[in-house]
Amino acid sequence: MTNTPPTDVAALSYEEARDELVQVVSALEQGSSTLEESLALWERGEALAARCEEWLIGAKARLDAARAAAE
């Protein structure tokens, strides 16, 4: 992880959120963070996972709408 301030999760694309989530999981798996850092990473990871889920739900809705329109 970098020392730059985290981007607002709501502003991230699916790919950006997914890639950052991979970094967060990797940092947590290393186990070298303090408890406070680990908690912050966990919270960021939860927010990133929720953002990814929002994108996927939206994509599914668009596909369902396209299929319905084609029928």
PDB file of N, CA and C in Angstrom:
ATOM      1  N   MET A   1       0.853  -1.169   0.000  1.00  0.00           N
ATOM      2  CA  MET A   1       0.000   0.000   0.000  1.00  0.00           C
ATOM      3  C   MET A   1       0.902   1.236   0.000  1.00  0.00           C
ATOM      4  N   THR A   2       0.343   2.318  -0.521  1.00  0.00           N
ATOM      5  CA  THR A   2       1.129   3.542  -0.607  1.00  0.00           C
ATOM      6  C   THR A   2       0.763   4.491   0.517  1.00  0.00           C
ATOM      7  N   ASN A   3       1.522   5.591   0.622  1.00  0.00           N
ATOM      8  CA  ASN A   3       1.258   6.588   1.647  1.00  0.00           C
ATOM      9  C   ASN A   3       0.301   7.670   1.182  1.00  0.00           C
ATOM     10  N   THR A   4      -0.231   7.550  -0.027  1.00  0.00           N
ATOM     11  CA  THR A   4      -1.182   8.539  -0.522  1.00  0.00           C
ATOM     12  C   THR A   4      -2.529   8.312   0.152  1.00  0.00           C
ATOM     13  N   PRO A   5      -3.308   9.398   0.312  1.00  0.00           N
ATOM     14  CA  PRO A   5      -4.621   9.221   0.939  1.00  0.00           C
ATOM     15  C   PRO A   5      -5.511   8.317   0.083  1.00  0.00           C
ATOM     16  N   PRO A   6      -6.326   7.473   0.710  1.00  0.00           N
ATOM     17  CA  PRO A   6      -7.169   6.572  -0.069  1.00  0.00           C
ATOM     18  C   PRO A   6      -8.220   7.335  -0.864  1.00  0.00           C
ATOM     19  N   THR A   7      -8.486   6.844  -2.057  1.00  0.00           N
ATOM     20  CA  THR A   7      -9.526   7.403  -2.907  1.00  0.00           C
ATOM     21  C   THR A   7     -10.882   7.007  -2.345  1.00  0.00           C
ATOM     22  N   ASP A   8     -11.853   7.890  -2.513  1.00  0.00           N
ATOM     23  CA  ASP A   8     -13.222   7.566  -2.105  1.00  0.00           C
ATOM     24  C   ASP A   8     -13.658   6.314  -2.853  1.00  0.00           C
ATOM     25  N   VAL A   9     -14.085   5.312  -2.143  1.00  0.00           N
ATOM     26  CA  VAL A   9     -14.454   4.035  -2.739  1.00  0.00           C
ATOM     27  C   VAL A   9     -15.554   4.208  -3.786  1.00  0.00           C
ATOM     28  N   ALA A  10     -16.488   5.101  -3.541  1.00  0.00           N
ATOM     29  CA  ALA A  10     -17.599   5.306  -4.476  1.00  0.00           C
ATOM     30  C   ALA A  10     -17.129   5.828  -5.834  1.00  0.00           C
ATOM     31  N   ALA A  11     -15.930   6.395  -5.898  1.00  0.00           N
ATOM     32  CA  ALA A  11     -15.414   6.946  -7.153  1.00  0.00           C
ATOM     33  C   ALA A  11     -14.621   5.918  -7.957  1.00  0.00           C
ATOM     34  N   LEU A  12     -14.423   4.719  -7.422  1.00  0.00           N
ATOM     35  CA  LEU A  12     -13.588   3.723  -8.083  1.00  0.00           C
ATOM     36  C   LEU A  12     -14.366   2.912  -9.107  1.00  0.00           C
ATOM     37  N   SER A  13     -13.688   2.604 -10.208  1.00  0.00           N
ATOM     38  CA  SER A  13     -14.255   1.664 -11.176  1.00  0.00           C
ATOM     39  C   SER A  13     -14.180   0.263 -10.570  1.00  0.00           C
ATOM     40  N   TYR A  14     -14.840  -0.682 -11.210  1.00  0.00           N
ATOM     41  CA  TYR A  14     -14.783  -2.060 -10.734  1.00  0.00           C
ATOM     42  C   TYR A  14     -13.340  -2.547 -10.688  1.00  0.00           C
ATOM     43  N   GLU A  15     -12.608  -2.299 -11.771  1.00  0.00           N
ATOM     44  CA  GLU A  15     -11.229  -2.779 -11.863  1.00  0.00           C
ATOM     45  C   GLU A  15     -10.334  -2.143 -10.809  1.00  0.00           C
ATOM     46  N   GLU A  16     -10.517  -0.847 -10.565  1.00  0.00           N
ATOM     47  CA  GLU A  16      -9.719  -0.164  -9.541  1.00  0.00           C
ATOM     48  C   GLU A  16     -10.010  -0.727  -8.157  1.00  0.00           C
ATOM     49  N   ALA A  17     -11.306  -0.917  -7.866  1.00  0.00           N
ATOM     50  CA  ALA A  17     -11.689  -1.464  -6.556  1.00  0.00           C
ATOM     51  C   ALA A  17     -11.172  -2.882  -6.391  1.00  0.00           C
ATOM     52  N   ARG A  18     -11.298  -3.694  -7.432  1.00  0.00           N
ATOM     53  CA  ARG A  18     -10.824  -5.080  -7.379  1.00  0.00           C
ATOM     54  C   ARG A  18      -9.317  -5.131  -7.157  1.00  0.00           C
ATOM     55  N   ASP A  19      -8.574  -4.328  -7.914  1.00  0.00           N
ATOM     56  CA  ASP A  19      -7.118  -4.336  -7.788  1.00  0.00           C
ATOM     57  C   ASP A  19      -6.661  -3.882  -6.401  1.00  0.00           C
ATOM     58  N   GLU A  20      -7.319  -2.849  -5.876  1.00  0.00           N
ATOM     59  CA  GLU A  20      -6.953  -2.391  -4.533  1.00  0.00           C
ATOM     60  C   GLU A  20      -7.331  -3.435  -3.489  1.00  0.00           C
ATOM     61  N   LEU A  21      -8.453  -4.112  -3.696  1.00  0.00           N
ATOM     62  CA  LEU A  21      -8.869  -5.164  -2.764  1.00  0.00           C
ATOM     63  C   LEU A  21      -7.824  -6.279  -2.730  1.00  0.00           C
ATOM     64  N   VAL A  22      -7.267  -6.627  -3.873  1.00  0.00           N
ATOM     65  CA  VAL A  22      -6.207  -7.638  -3.920  1.00  0.00           C
ATOM     66  C   VAL A  22      -5.005  -7.172  -3.096  1.00  0.00           C
ATOM     67  N   GLN A  23      -4.663  -5.899  -3.198  1.00  0.00           N
ATOM     68  CA  GLN A  23      -3.541  -5.357  -2.425  1.00  0.00           C
ATOM     69  C   GLN A  23      -3.829  -5.393  -0.929  1.00  0.00           C
ATOM     70  N   VAL A  24      -5.059  -5.057  -0.556  1.00  0.00           N
ATOM     71  CA  VAL A  24      -5.449  -5.061   0.858  1.00  0.00           C
ATOM     72  C   VAL A  24      -5.360  -6.479   1.425  1.00  0.00           C
ATOM     73  N   VAL A  25      -5.891  -7.440   0.688  1.00  0.00           N
ATOM     74  CA  VAL A  25      -5.849  -8.828   1.147  1.00  0.00           C
ATOM     75  C   VAL A  25      -4.403  -9.289   1.301  1.00  0.00           C
ATOM     76  N   SER A  26      -3.570  -8.939   0.334  1.00  0.00           N
ATOM     77  CA  SER A  26      -2.154  -9.309   0.411  1.00  0.00           C
ATOM     78  C   SER A  26      -1.489  -8.702   1.646  1.00  0.00           C
ATOM     79  N   ALA A  27      -1.771  -7.442   1.922  1.00  0.00           N
ATOM     80  CA  ALA A  27      -1.191  -6.781   3.098  1.00  0.00           C
ATOM     81  C   ALA A  27      -1.665  -7.449   4.381  1.00  0.00           C
ATOM     82  N   LEU A  28      -2.936  -7.821   4.435  1.00  0.00           N
ATOM     83  CA  LEU A  28      -3.457  -8.494   5.629  1.00  0.00           C
ATOM     84  C   LEU A  28      -2.835  -9.881   5.791  1.00  0.00           C
ATOM     85  N   GLU A  29      -2.648 -10.584   4.689  1.00  0.00           N
ATOM     86  CA  GLU A  29      -2.070 -11.926   4.756  1.00  0.00           C
ATOM     87  C   GLU A  29      -0.615 -11.907   5.222  1.00  0.00           C
ATOM     88  N   GLN A  30       0.098 -10.826   4.951  1.00  0.00           N
ATOM     89  CA  GLN A  30       1.488 -10.726   5.393  1.00  0.00           C
ATOM     90  C   GLN A  30       1.583 -10.684   6.914  1.00  0.00           C
ATOM     91  N   GLY A  31       0.561 -10.110   7.551  1.00  0.00           N
ATOM     92  CA  GLY A  31       0.508 -10.098   9.001  1.00  0.00           C
ATOM     93  C   GLY A  31       1.519  -9.208   9.685  1.00  0.00           C
ATOM     94  N   SER A  32       2.121  -8.287   8.950  1.00  0.00           N
ATOM     95  CA  SER A  32       3.152  -7.438   9.550  1.00  0.00           C
ATOM     96  C   SER A  32       2.614  -6.087  10.016  1.00  0.00           C
ATOM     97  N   SER A  33       1.322  -5.866   9.879  1.00  0.00           N
ATOM     98  CA  SER A  33       0.719  -4.598  10.286  1.00  0.00           C
ATOM     99  C   SER A  33       0.382  -4.611  11.768  1.00  0.00           C
ATOM    100  N   THR A  34       0.290  -3.415  12.335  1.00  0.00           N
ATOM    101  CA  THR A  34      -0.182  -3.304  13.709  1.00  0.00           C
ATOM    102  C   THR A  34      -1.663  -3.624  13.741  1.00  0.00           C
ATOM    103  N   LEU A  35      -2.203  -3.788  14.917  1.00  0.00           N
ATOM    104  CA  LEU A  35      -3.631  -4.067  15.047  1.00  0.00           C
ATOM    105  C   LEU A  35      -4.442  -2.932  14.434  1.00  0.00           C
ATOM    106  N   GLU A  36      -4.062  -1.705  14.720  1.00  0.00           N
ATOM    107  CA  GLU A  36      -4.794  -0.541  14.185  1.00  0.00           C
ATOM    108  C   GLU A  36      -4.733  -0.507  12.663  1.00  0.00           C
ATOM    109  N   GLU A  37      -3.558  -0.778  12.110  1.00  0.00           N
ATOM    110  CA  GLU A  37      -3.414  -0.812  10.650  1.00  0.00           C
ATOM    111  C   GLU A  37      -4.233  -1.944  10.048  1.00  0.00           C
ATOM    112  N   SER A  38      -4.222  -3.088  10.713  1.00  0.00           N
ATOM    113  CA  SER A  38      -5.000  -4.229  10.228  1.00  0.00           C
ATOM    114  C   SER A  38      -6.486  -3.929  10.224  1.00  0.00           C
ATOM    115  N   LEU A  39      -6.960  -3.269  11.264  1.00  0.00           N
ATOM    116  CA  LEU A  39      -8.374  -2.901  11.319  1.00  0.00           C
ATOM    117  C   LEU A  39      -8.728  -1.925  10.200  1.00  0.00           C
ATOM    118  N   ALA A  40      -7.855  -0.953   9.950  1.00  0.00           N
ATOM    119  CA  ALA A  40      -8.092   0.005   8.864  1.00  0.00           C
ATOM    120  C   ALA A  40      -8.091  -0.702   7.508  1.00  0.00           C
ATOM    121  N   LEU A  41      -7.173  -1.637   7.327  1.00  0.00           N
ATOM    122  CA  LEU A  41      -7.138  -2.401   6.082  1.00  0.00           C
ATOM    123  C   LEU A  41      -8.405  -3.233   5.926  1.00  0.00           C
ATOM    124  N   TRP A  42      -8.835  -3.863   7.004  1.00  0.00           N
ATOM    125  CA  TRP A  42     -10.049  -4.685   6.965  1.00  0.00           C
ATOM    126  C   TRP A  42     -11.253  -3.828   6.572  1.00  0.00           C
ATOM    127  N   GLU A  43     -11.379  -2.667   7.186  1.00  0.00           N
ATOM    128  CA  GLU A  43     -12.499  -1.780   6.874  1.00  0.00           C
ATOM    129  C   GLU A  43     -12.450  -1.323   5.417  1.00  0.00           C
ATOM    130  N   ARG A  44     -11.255  -0.989   4.939  1.00  0.00           N
ATOM    131  CA  ARG A  44     -11.101  -0.586   3.538  1.00  0.00           C
ATOM    132  C   ARG A  44     -11.457  -1.758   2.622  1.00  0.00           C
ATOM    133  N   GLY A  45     -11.015  -2.946   2.982  1.00  0.00           N
ATOM    134  CA  GLY A  45     -11.335  -4.126   2.191  1.00  0.00           C
ATOM    135  C   GLY A  45     -12.825  -4.395   2.115  1.00  0.00           C
ATOM    136  N   GLU A  46     -13.511  -4.239   3.235  1.00  0.00           N
ATOM    137  CA  GLU A  46     -14.962  -4.426   3.246  1.00  0.00           C
ATOM    138  C   GLU A  46     -15.647  -3.419   2.318  1.00  0.00           C
ATOM    139  N   ALA A  47     -15.201  -2.162   2.365  1.00  0.00           N
ATOM    140  CA  ALA A  47     -15.770  -1.124   1.502  1.00  0.00           C
ATOM    141  C   ALA A  47     -15.477  -1.419   0.036  1.00  0.00           C
ATOM    142  N   LEU A  48     -14.276  -1.877  -0.256  1.00  0.00           N
ATOM    143  CA  LEU A  48     -13.910  -2.211  -1.634  1.00  0.00           C
ATOM    144  C   LEU A  48     -14.721  -3.407  -2.145  1.00  0.00           C
ATOM    145  N   ALA A  49     -14.900  -4.407  -1.307  1.00  0.00           N
ATOM    146  CA  ALA A  49     -15.692  -5.574  -1.700  1.00  0.00           C
ATOM    147  C   ALA A  49     -17.140  -5.167  -1.981  1.00  0.00           C
ATOM    148  N   ALA A  50     -17.677  -4.288  -1.156  1.00  0.00           N
ATOM    149  CA  ALA A  50     -19.046  -3.805  -1.375  1.00  0.00           C
ATOM    150  C   ALA A  50     -19.139  -3.038  -2.691  1.00  0.00           C
ATOM    151  N   ARG A  51     -18.120  -2.247  -2.999  1.00  0.00           N
ATOM    152  CA  ARG A  51     -18.103  -1.493  -4.258  1.00  0.00           C
ATOM    153  C   ARG A  51     -18.060  -2.440  -5.451  1.00  0.00           C
ATOM    154  N   CYS A  52     -17.246  -3.469  -5.366  1.00  0.00           N
ATOM    155  CA  CYS A  52     -17.199  -4.460  -6.442  1.00  0.00           C
ATOM    156  C   CYS A  52     -18.561  -5.122  -6.620  1.00  0.00           C
ATOM    157  N   GLU A  53     -19.199  -5.454  -5.514  1.00  0.00           N
ATOM    158  CA  GLU A  53     -20.520  -6.079  -5.586  1.00  0.00           C
ATOM    159  C   GLU A  53     -21.537  -5.139  -6.232  1.00  0.00           C
ATOM    160  N   GLU A  54     -21.470  -3.844  -5.905  1.00  0.00           N
ATOM    161  CA  GLU A  54     -22.366  -2.871  -6.540  1.00  0.00           C
ATOM    162  C   GLU A  54     -22.190  -2.881  -8.055  1.00  0.00           C
ATOM    163  N   TRP A  55     -20.934  -2.870  -8.504  1.00  0.00           N
ATOM    164  CA  TRP A  55     -20.662  -2.897  -9.944  1.00  0.00           C
ATOM    165  C   TRP A  55     -21.216  -4.168 -10.580  1.00  0.00           C
ATOM    166  N   LEU A  56     -21.015  -5.306  -9.930  1.00  0.00           N
ATOM    167  CA  LEU A  56     -21.478  -6.567 -10.500  1.00  0.00           C
ATOM    168  C   LEU A  56     -22.996  -6.648 -10.544  1.00  0.00           C
ATOM    169  N   ILE A  57     -23.657  -6.147  -9.510  1.00  0.00           N
ATOM    170  CA  ILE A  57     -25.118  -6.126  -9.500  1.00  0.00           C
ATOM    171  C   ILE A  57     -25.631  -5.219 -10.623  1.00  0.00           C
ATOM    172  N   GLY A  58     -24.975  -4.067 -10.794  1.00  0.00           N
ATOM    173  CA  GLY A  58     -25.360  -3.157 -11.867  1.00  0.00           C
ATOM    174  C   GLY A  58     -25.151  -3.774 -13.241  1.00  0.00           C
ATOM    175  N   ALA A  59     -24.045  -4.473 -13.418  1.00  0.00           N
ATOM    176  CA  ALA A  59     -23.767  -5.122 -14.695  1.00  0.00           C
ATOM    177  C   ALA A  59     -24.806  -6.204 -14.987  1.00  0.00           C
ATOM    178  N   LYS A  60     -25.170  -6.975 -13.963  1.00  0.00           N
ATOM    179  CA  LYS A  60     -26.187  -8.012 -14.151  1.00  0.00           C
ATOM    180  C   LYS A  60     -27.524  -7.391 -14.525  1.00  0.00           C
ATOM    181  N   ALA A  61     -27.878  -6.286 -13.881  1.00  0.00           N
ATOM    182  CA  ALA A  61     -29.144  -5.621 -14.199  1.00  0.00           C
ATOM    183  C   ALA A  61     -29.153  -5.143 -15.649  1.00  0.00           C
ATOM    184  N   ARG A  62     -28.021  -4.613 -16.108  1.00  0.00           N
ATOM    185  CA  ARG A  62     -27.935  -4.159 -17.495  1.00  0.00           C
ATOM    186  C   ARG A  62     -28.065  -5.333 -18.465  1.00  0.00           C
ATOM    187  N   LEU A  63     -27.420  -6.444 -18.150  1.00  0.00           N
ATOM    188  CA  LEU A  63     -27.535  -7.629 -19.002  1.00  0.00           C
ATOM    189  C   LEU A  63     -28.959  -8.160 -19.018  1.00  0.00           C
ATOM    190  N   ASP A  64     -29.581  -8.211 -17.858  1.00  0.00           N
ATOM    191  CA  ASP A  64     -30.974  -8.667 -17.788  1.00  0.00           C
ATOM    192  C   ASP A  64     -31.886  -7.769 -18.608  1.00  0.00           C
ATOM    193  N   ALA A  65     -31.668  -6.444 -18.532  1.00  0.00           N
ATOM    194  CA  ALA A  65     -32.482  -5.493 -19.292  1.00  0.00           C
ATOM    195  C   ALA A  65     -32.254  -5.678 -20.795  1.00  0.00           C
ATOM    196  N   ALA A  66     -31.011  -5.903 -21.202  1.00  0.00           N
ATOM    197  CA  ALA A  66     -30.704  -6.110 -22.614  1.00  0.00           C
ATOM    198  C   ALA A  66     -31.344  -7.404 -23.125  1.00  0.00           C
ATOM    199  N   ARG A  67     -31.295  -8.438 -22.316  1.00  0.00           N
ATOM    200  CA  ARG A  67     -31.919  -9.713 -22.711  1.00  0.00           C
ATOM    201  C   ARG A  67     -33.429  -9.556 -22.832  1.00  0.00           C
ATOM    202  N   ALA A  68     -34.026  -8.843 -21.884  1.00  0.00           N
ATOM    203  CA  ALA A  68     -35.473  -8.638 -21.897  1.00  0.00           C
ATOM    204  C   ALA A  68     -35.887  -7.834 -23.129  1.00  0.00           C
ATOM    205  N   ALA A  69     -35.090  -6.846 -23.469  1.00  0.00           N
ATOM    206  CA  ALA A  69     -35.403  -6.018 -24.638  1.00  0.00           C
ATOM    207  C   ALA A  69     -35.259  -6.808 -25.935  1.00  0.00           C
ATOM    208  N   ALA A  70     -34.372  -7.786 -25.933  1.00  0.00           N
ATOM    209  CA  ALA A  70     -34.144  -8.595 -27.140  1.00  0.00           C
ATOM    210  C   ALA A  70     -35.250  -9.628 -27.350  1.00  0.00           C
ATOM    211  N   GLU A  71     -35.981  -9.930 -26.306  1.00  0.00           N
ATOM    212  CA  GLU A  71     -37.045 -10.954 -26.416  1.00  0.00           C
ATOM    213  C   GLU A  71     -38.309 -10.422 -26.989  1.00  0.00           C
TER     214      GLU A  71
END
